C-alpha atoms as a PDB file:
ATOM      1  CA  UNK A   1      -0.235  -9.022  26.992  1.00  0.00           C
ATOM      2  CA  UNK A   2       0.368  -5.289  26.936  1.00  0.00           C
ATOM      3  CA  UNK A   3      -0.947  -2.941  24.307  1.00  0.00           C
ATOM      4  CA  UNK A   4       2.212  -2.359  22.432  1.00  0.00           C
ATOM      5  CA  UNK A   5       2.510  -6.224  21.849  1.00  0.00           C
ATOM      6  CA  UNK A   6      -0.952  -6.599  20.834  1.00  0.00           C
ATOM      7  CA  UNK A   7      -0.412  -3.808  18.200  1.00  0.00           C
ATOM      8  CA  UNK A   8       2.774  -5.511  17.188  1.00  0.00           C
ATOM      9  CA  UNK A   9       1.118  -8.968  16.652  1.00  0.00           C
ATOM     10  CA  UNK A  10      -1.959  -7.446  14.970  1.00  0.00           C
ATOM     11  CA  UNK A  11       0.114  -5.382  12.275  1.00  0.00           C
ATOM     12  CA  UNK A  12       0.933  -8.530  10.151  1.00  0.00           C
ATOM     13  CA  UNK A  13      -2.797  -9.568  10.180  1.00  0.00           C
ATOM     14  CA  UNK A  14      -3.767  -6.211   9.207  1.00  0.00           C
ATOM     15  CA  UNK A  15      -1.194  -5.951   6.191  1.00  0.00           C
ATOM     16  CA  UNK A  16      -2.253  -9.425   5.131  1.00  0.00           C
ATOM     17  CA  UNK A  17      -5.835  -8.060   4.458  1.00  0.00           C
ATOM     18  CA  UNK A  18      -4.886  -4.615   3.252  1.00  0.00           C
ATOM     19  CA  UNK A  19      -2.487  -5.619   0.394  1.00  0.00           C
ATOM     20  CA  UNK A  20      -5.260  -7.735  -1.723  1.00  0.00           C
ATOM     21  CA  UNK A  21      -7.988  -5.378  -0.677  1.00  0.00           C
ATOM     22  CA  UNK A  22      -6.114  -2.289  -1.729  1.00  0.00           C
ATOM     23  CA  UNK A  23      -4.666  -3.953  -4.770  1.00  0.00           C
ATOM     24  CA  UNK A  24      -7.961  -5.318  -5.964  1.00  0.00           C
ATOM     25  CA  UNK A  25      -9.778  -1.976  -5.260  1.00  0.00           C
ATOM     26  CA  UNK A  26      -7.078  -0.084  -7.148  1.00  0.00           C
ATOM     27  CA  UNK A  27      -7.227  -2.529 -10.093  1.00  0.00           C
ATOM     28  CA  UNK A  28     -11.064  -2.393 -10.377  1.00  0.00           C
ATOM     29  CA  UNK A  29     -10.904   1.351 -10.273  1.00  0.00           C
ATOM     30  CA  UNK A  30      -8.128   1.909 -12.889  1.00  0.00           C
ATOM     31  CA  UNK A  31      -9.650  -0.567 -15.297  1.00  0.00           C
ATOM     32  CA  UNK A  32     -13.060   0.843 -15.086  1.00  0.00           C
ATOM     33  CA  UNK A  33     -11.713   4.347 -15.456  1.00  0.00           C
ATOM     34  CA  UNK A  34      -9.400   3.358 -18.241  1.00  0.00           C
ATOM     35  CA  UNK A  35     -12.020   1.347 -20.452  1.00  0.00           C
ATOM     36  CA  UNK A  36     -15.004   3.601 -19.548  1.00  0.00           C
ATOM     37  CA  UNK A  37     -16.340   6.393 -21.453  1.00  0.00           C
ATOM     38  CA  UNK A  38     -14.777   8.701 -24.146  1.00  0.00           C
ATOM     39  CA  UNK A  39     -12.172  10.256 -21.613  1.00  0.00           C
ATOM     40  CA  UNK A  40     -10.729   6.849 -20.742  1.00  0.00           C
ATOM     41  CA  UNK A  41      -7.185   6.045 -21.303  1.00  0.00           C
ATOM     42  CA  UNK A  42      -5.540   4.508 -24.410  1.00  0.00           C
ATOM     43  CA  UNK A  43      -5.727   0.545 -24.120  1.00  0.00           C
ATOM     44  CA  UNK A  44      -1.783   0.477 -24.007  1.00  0.00           C
ATOM     45  CA  UNK A  45      -1.731   2.800 -21.026  1.00  0.00           C
ATOM     46  CA  UNK A  46      -4.730   1.173 -19.342  1.00  0.00           C
ATOM     47  CA  UNK A  47      -3.081  -2.334 -19.699  1.00  0.00           C
ATOM     48  CA  UNK A  48       0.393  -1.019 -18.616  1.00  0.00           C
ATOM     49  CA  UNK A  49      -0.962   0.676 -15.649  1.00  0.00           C
ATOM     50  CA  UNK A  50      -2.733  -2.536 -14.644  1.00  0.00           C
ATOM     51  CA  UNK A  51       0.402  -4.401 -15.018  1.00  0.00           C
ATOM     52  CA  UNK A  52       2.223  -2.306 -12.846  1.00  0.00           C
ATOM     53  CA  UNK A  53      -0.338  -2.222 -10.252  1.00  0.00           C
ATOM     54  CA  UNK A  54      -0.207  -6.169 -10.030  1.00  0.00           C
ATOM     55  CA  UNK A  55       3.592  -6.183  -9.895  1.00  0.00           C
ATOM     56  CA  UNK A  56       3.494  -3.702  -7.038  1.00  0.00           C
ATOM     57  CA  UNK A  57       1.015  -5.813  -5.227  1.00  0.00           C
ATOM     58  CA  UNK A  58       2.768  -8.979  -5.822  1.00  0.00           C
ATOM     59  CA  UNK A  59       6.220  -7.302  -4.553  1.00  0.00           C
ATOM     60  CA  UNK A  60       4.486  -6.174  -1.569  1.00  0.00           C
ATOM     61  CA  UNK A  61       2.945  -9.422  -0.768  1.00  0.00           C
ATOM     62  CA  UNK A  62       6.332 -11.214  -1.198  1.00  0.00           C
ATOM     63  CA  UNK A  63       8.437  -8.741   0.839  1.00  0.00           C
ATOM     64  CA  UNK A  64       5.770  -8.587   3.789  1.00  0.00           C
ATOM     65  CA  UNK A  65       4.856 -12.361   3.910  1.00  0.00           C
ATOM     66  CA  UNK A  66       7.743 -14.213   2.135  1.00  0.00           C
ATOM     67  CA  UNK A  67       6.904 -17.334   4.218  1.00  0.00           C
ATOM     68  CA  UNK A  68       3.293 -17.019   5.302  1.00  0.00           C
ATOM     69  CA  UNK A  69       0.866 -17.918   2.571  1.00  0.00           C
ATOM     70  CA  UNK A  70       3.589 -18.889   0.162  1.00  0.00           C
ATOM     71  CA  UNK A  71       3.214 -19.338  -3.433  1.00  0.00           C
ATOM     72  CA  UNK A  72      -0.543 -20.266  -3.273  1.00  0.00           C
ATOM     73  CA  UNK A  73      -1.336 -16.757  -1.796  1.00  0.00           C
ATOM     74  CA  UNK A  74       0.633 -15.061  -4.524  1.00  0.00           C
ATOM     75  CA  UNK A  75      -1.049 -17.161  -7.212  1.00  0.00           C
ATOM     76  CA  UNK A  76      -4.603 -16.353  -5.733  1.00  0.00           C
ATOM     77  CA  UNK A  77      -3.589 -12.614  -5.344  1.00  0.00           C
ATOM     78  CA  UNK A  78      -2.639 -12.395  -9.292  1.00  0.00           C
ATOM     79  CA  UNK A  79      -5.693 -14.461 -10.367  1.00  0.00           C
ATOM     80  CA  UNK A  80      -7.956 -12.069  -8.215  1.00  0.00           C
ATOM     81  CA  UNK A  81      -6.207  -9.020  -9.821  1.00  0.00           C
ATOM     82  CA  UNK A  82      -6.811 -10.392 -13.119  1.00  0.00           C
ATOM     83  CA  UNK A  83     -10.459 -11.162 -12.524  1.00  0.00           C
ATOM     84  CA  UNK A  84     -10.902  -7.640 -11.168  1.00  0.00           C
ATOM     85  CA  UNK A  85      -9.579  -6.239 -14.436  1.00  0.00           C
ATOM     86  CA  UNK A  86     -11.857  -8.520 -16.494  1.00  0.00           C
ATOM     87  CA  UNK A  87     -14.767  -7.822 -14.466  1.00  0.00           C
ATOM     88  CA  UNK A  88     -14.259  -4.102 -14.346  1.00  0.00           C
ATOM     89  CA  UNK A  89     -13.840  -4.174 -18.077  1.00  0.00           C
ATOM     90  CA  UNK A  90     -17.340  -5.845 -18.619  1.00  0.00           C
ATOM     91  CA  UNK A  91     -18.885  -3.232 -16.053  1.00  0.00           C
ATOM     92  CA  UNK A  92     -18.077  -0.672 -18.883  1.00  0.00           C
ATOM     93  CA  UNK A  93     -20.617   0.207 -21.693  1.00  0.00           C
ATOM     94  CA  UNK A  94     -19.607   1.443 -25.303  1.00  0.00           C
ATOM     95  CA  UNK A  95     -20.161   5.177 -25.295  1.00  0.00           C
ATOM     96  CA  UNK A  96     -21.462   5.566 -28.959  1.00  0.00           C
ATOM     97  CA  UNK A  97     -24.222   4.291 -30.971  1.00  0.00           C
ATOM     98  CA  UNK A  98     -24.547   4.383 -34.824  1.00  0.00           C
ATOM     99  CA  UNK A  99     -26.985   3.119 -37.582  1.00  0.00           C
ATOM    100  CA  UNK A 100     -24.935   0.735 -39.982  1.00  0.00           C
ATOM    101  CA  UNK A 101     -25.821  -1.196 -43.111  1.00  0.00           C
ATOM    102  CA  UNK A 102     -24.269  -4.724 -43.513  1.00  0.00           C
ATOM    103  CA  UNK A 103     -22.535  -4.969 -46.717  1.00  0.00           C
ATOM    104  CA  UNK A 104     -21.172  -7.761 -48.817  1.00  0.00           C
ATOM    105  CA  UNK A 105     -21.124 -11.501 -47.590  1.00  0.00           C
ATOM    106  CA  UNK A 106     -21.165 -12.484 -44.099  1.00  0.00           C
ATOM    107  CA  UNK A 107     -17.856 -14.629 -43.300  1.00  0.00           C
ATOM    108  CA  UNK A 108     -18.393 -17.571 -41.015  1.00  0.00           C
ATOM    109  CA  UNK A 109     -15.400 -19.105 -38.843  1.00  0.00           C
ATOM    110  CA  UNK A 110     -15.618 -22.124 -36.777  1.00  0.00           C
ATOM    111  CA  UNK A 111     -13.680 -22.235 -33.556  1.00  0.00           C
ATOM    112  CA  UNK A 112     -13.690 -25.890 -32.129  1.00  0.00           C
ATOM    113  CA  UNK A 113     -13.092 -26.896 -28.430  1.00  0.00           C
ATOM    114  CA  UNK A 114     -10.068 -28.740 -26.996  1.00  0.00           C
ATOM    115  CA  UNK A 115     -10.188 -31.114 -24.050  1.00  0.00           C
ATOM    116  CA  UNK A 116     -12.598 -31.842 -21.205  1.00  0.00           C
ATOM    117  CA  UNK A 117     -13.698 -28.493 -19.330  1.00  0.00           C
ATOM    118  CA  UNK A 118     -12.569 -26.161 -22.410  1.00  0.00           C
ATOM    119  CA  UNK A 119     -15.000 -23.685 -23.370  1.00  0.00           C
ATOM    120  CA  UNK A 120     -17.955 -24.979 -25.792  1.00  0.00           C
ATOM    121  CA  UNK A 121     -17.253 -24.693 -29.562  1.00  0.00           C
ATOM    122  CA  UNK A 122     -18.099 -21.320 -31.175  1.00  0.00           C
ATOM    123  CA  UNK A 123     -18.960 -20.037 -34.412  1.00  0.00           C
ATOM    124  CA  UNK A 124     -18.441 -16.409 -35.285  1.00  0.00           C
ATOM    125  CA  UNK A 125     -20.155 -14.342 -37.983  1.00  0.00           C
ATOM    126  CA  UNK A 126     -18.020 -11.348 -39.340  1.00  0.00           C
ATOM    127  CA  UNK A 127     -20.126  -8.604 -40.688  1.00  0.00           C
ATOM    128  CA  UNK A 128     -18.589  -5.708 -42.870  1.00  0.00           C
ATOM    129  CA  UNK A 129     -20.344  -2.537 -41.937  1.00  0.00           C
ATOM    130  CA  UNK A 130     -21.197   0.833 -43.731  1.00  0.00           C
ATOM    131  CA  UNK A 131     -21.894   3.101 -40.685  1.00  0.00           C
ATOM    132  CA  UNK A 132     -22.490   6.850 -40.363  1.00  0.00           C
ATOM    133  CA  UNK A 133     -19.353   8.448 -39.635  1.00  0.00           C
ATOM    134  CA  UNK A 134     -17.324   5.513 -40.993  1.00  0.00           C
ATOM    135  CA  UNK A 135     -16.866   3.676 -37.722  1.00  0.00           C
ATOM    136  CA  UNK A 136     -16.952   0.799 -37.014  1.00  0.00           C
ATOM    137  CA  UNK A 137     -16.006  -1.028 -40.141  1.00  0.00           C
ATOM    138  CA  UNK A 138     -16.852  -4.605 -39.086  1.00  0.00           C
ATOM    139  CA  UNK A 139     -18.251  -6.584 -36.051  1.00  0.00           C
ATOM    140  CA  UNK A 140     -18.061 -10.225 -35.121  1.00  0.00           C
ATOM    141  CA  UNK A 141     -20.787 -11.897 -33.288  1.00  0.00           C
ATOM    142  CA  UNK A 142     -22.155 -15.204 -32.447  1.00  0.00           C
ATOM    143  CA  UNK A 143     -25.276 -14.860 -34.534  1.00  0.00           C
ATOM    144  CA  UNK A 144     -26.196 -13.105 -37.915  1.00  0.00           C
ATOM    145  CA  UNK A 145     -27.065  -9.606 -36.555  1.00  0.00           C
ATOM    146  CA  UNK A 146     -28.640  -8.770 -40.002  1.00  0.00           C
ATOM    147  CA  UNK A 147     -28.571 -10.151 -43.558  1.00  0.00           C
ATOM    148  CA  UNK A 148     -26.537  -8.147 -46.261  1.00  0.00           C
ATOM    149  CA  UNK A 149     -28.273  -4.942 -47.004  1.00  0.00           C
ATOM    150  CA  UNK A 150     -29.894  -4.964 -43.629  1.00  0.00           C
ATOM    151  CA  UNK A 151     -29.653  -1.963 -41.126  1.00  0.00           C
ATOM    152  CA  UNK A 152     -28.575  -2.562 -37.535  1.00  0.00           C
ATOM    153  CA  UNK A 153     -27.726  -0.204 -34.744  1.00  0.00           C
ATOM    154  CA  UNK A 154     -24.324  -0.774 -33.381  1.00  0.00           C
ATOM    155  CA  UNK A 155     -22.576   0.382 -30.087  1.00  0.00           C
ATOM    156  CA  UNK A 156     -18.878   1.118 -30.050  1.00  0.00           C
ATOM    157  CA  UNK A 157     -16.049   2.612 -28.137  1.00  0.00           C
ATOM    158  CA  UNK A 158     -14.767   5.622 -30.220  1.00  0.00           C
ATOM    159  CA  UNK A 159     -11.422   4.937 -28.535  1.00  0.00           C
ATOM    160  CA  UNK A 160     -11.323   1.274 -29.753  1.00  0.00           C
ATOM    161  CA  UNK A 161     -10.863  -0.165 -26.401  1.00  0.00           C
ATOM    162  CA  UNK A 162     -13.642  -2.509 -26.590  1.00  0.00           C
ATOM    163  CA  UNK A 163     -15.197  -4.440 -29.674  1.00  0.00           C
ATOM    164  CA  UNK A 164     -18.368  -3.166 -31.035  1.00  0.00           C
ATOM    165  CA  UNK A 165     -21.626  -4.956 -30.291  1.00  0.00           C
ATOM    166  CA  UNK A 166     -25.261  -4.699 -31.319  1.00  0.00           C
ATOM    167  CA  UNK A 167     -26.972  -1.929 -29.282  1.00  0.00           C
ATOM    168  CA  UNK A 168     -29.263  -4.312 -27.491  1.00  0.00           C
ATOM    169  CA  UNK A 169     -26.050  -6.107 -26.101  1.00  0.00           C
ATOM    170  CA  UNK A 170     -24.516  -3.062 -24.792  1.00  0.00           C
ATOM    171  CA  UNK A 171     -25.060  -3.659 -20.934  1.00  0.00           C
ATOM    172  CA  UNK A 172     -22.795  -3.812 -18.123  1.00  0.00           C
ATOM    173  CA  UNK A 173     -22.462  -7.404 -16.697  1.00  0.00           C
ATOM    174  CA  UNK A 174     -19.256  -7.249 -14.627  1.00  0.00           C
ATOM    175  CA  UNK A 175     -19.371  -8.414 -10.970  1.00  0.00           C
ATOM    176  CA  UNK A 176     -16.900  -8.070  -8.255  1.00  0.00           C
ATOM    177  CA  UNK A 177     -18.001 -11.496  -6.656  1.00  0.00           C
ATOM    178  CA  UNK A 178     -15.363 -13.590  -8.399  1.00  0.00           C
ATOM    179  CA  UNK A 179     -12.127 -11.193  -7.815  1.00  0.00           C
ATOM    180  CA  UNK A 180     -13.328 -10.492  -4.213  1.00  0.00           C
ATOM    181  CA  UNK A 181     -13.460 -14.451  -3.407  1.00  0.00           C
ATOM    182  CA  UNK A 182      -9.889 -14.892  -4.905  1.00  0.00           C
ATOM    183  CA  UNK A 183      -8.711 -12.006  -2.920  1.00  0.00           C
ATOM    184  CA  UNK A 184     -10.393 -13.188   0.253  1.00  0.00           C
ATOM    185  CA  UNK A 185      -8.718 -16.709  -0.214  1.00  0.00           C
ATOM    186  CA  UNK A 186      -5.470 -15.164  -0.671  1.00  0.00           C
ATOM    187  CA  UNK A 187      -5.654 -13.400   2.485  1.00  0.00           C
ATOM    188  CA  UNK A 188      -7.036 -16.234   4.416  1.00  0.00           C
ATOM    189  CA  UNK A 189      -4.101 -18.410   3.484  1.00  0.00           C
ATOM    190  CA  UNK A 190      -1.825 -15.651   4.582  1.00  0.00           C
ATOM    191  CA  UNK A 191      -3.591 -15.255   7.887  1.00  0.00           C
ATOM    192  CA  UNK A 192      -3.719 -18.966   8.640  1.00  0.00           C
ATOM    193  CA  UNK A 193       0.000 -19.208   8.026  1.00  0.00           C
ATOM    194  CA  UNK A 194       0.733 -16.097  10.336  1.00  0.00           C
ATOM    195  CA  UNK A 195      -1.270 -17.801  13.180  1.00  0.00           C
ATOM    196  CA  UNK A 196       0.437 -21.166  12.746  1.00  0.00           C
ATOM    197  CA  UNK A 197       3.907 -19.259  12.820  1.00  0.00           C
ATOM    198  CA  UNK A 198       2.653 -17.278  16.027  1.00  0.00           C
ATOM    199  CA  UNK A 199       1.907 -20.589  17.705  1.00  0.00           C
ATOM    200  CA  UNK A 200       5.248 -22.006  16.638  1.00  0.00           C
ATOM    201  CA  UNK A 201       7.070 -18.970  18.195  1.00  0.00           C
ATOM    202  CA  UNK A 202       5.090 -19.202  21.297  1.00  0.00           C
ATOM    203  CA  UNK A 203       6.065 -22.889  21.818  1.00  0.00           C
ATOM    204  CA  UNK A 204       9.640 -21.997  21.347  1.00  0.00           C
ATOM    205  CA  UNK A 205       9.366 -19.319  24.052  1.00  0.00           C
END
């Protein structure tokens, strides 16, 4: 096999890896940049940019590998990009902290689960806050963070992109493992299909 033929046959495999890798990296960087710190993008702009990036990746994957990998590869690609957005968001921390007093009664809501495999039932405690500077005005948590009249330190995003949390919970916990696994699976499906198509062409020739 000459060098030109080898390069020609290798290009589709390189593309099958490059599209998910580039899209996943771009989604992570965009989401982290858009949601992190006081200089991040407004929520609408950050979300719109993420949707555009996902659409471009899906169009590129479909155009380059319409047959190879099929719908399953596209679904895994989309799932990987969505996971990258969520995990990058969770890797951000709120940029401001303030002292707040819980005022009024704490409102409690119950959120039941539906069906096997669904998330467990959840109880939320809604606290009205009187904070230095006036923000945030309320916080919802799965526990009572303080009784009425009590003081608590709250971490919040001045741009309103993320919900406020008690300062002790303002930690980064996003991980690239899940999105990377989904994107690798998408690549693997396409590569396997490319190899099968190559063997079919060789038999025809």
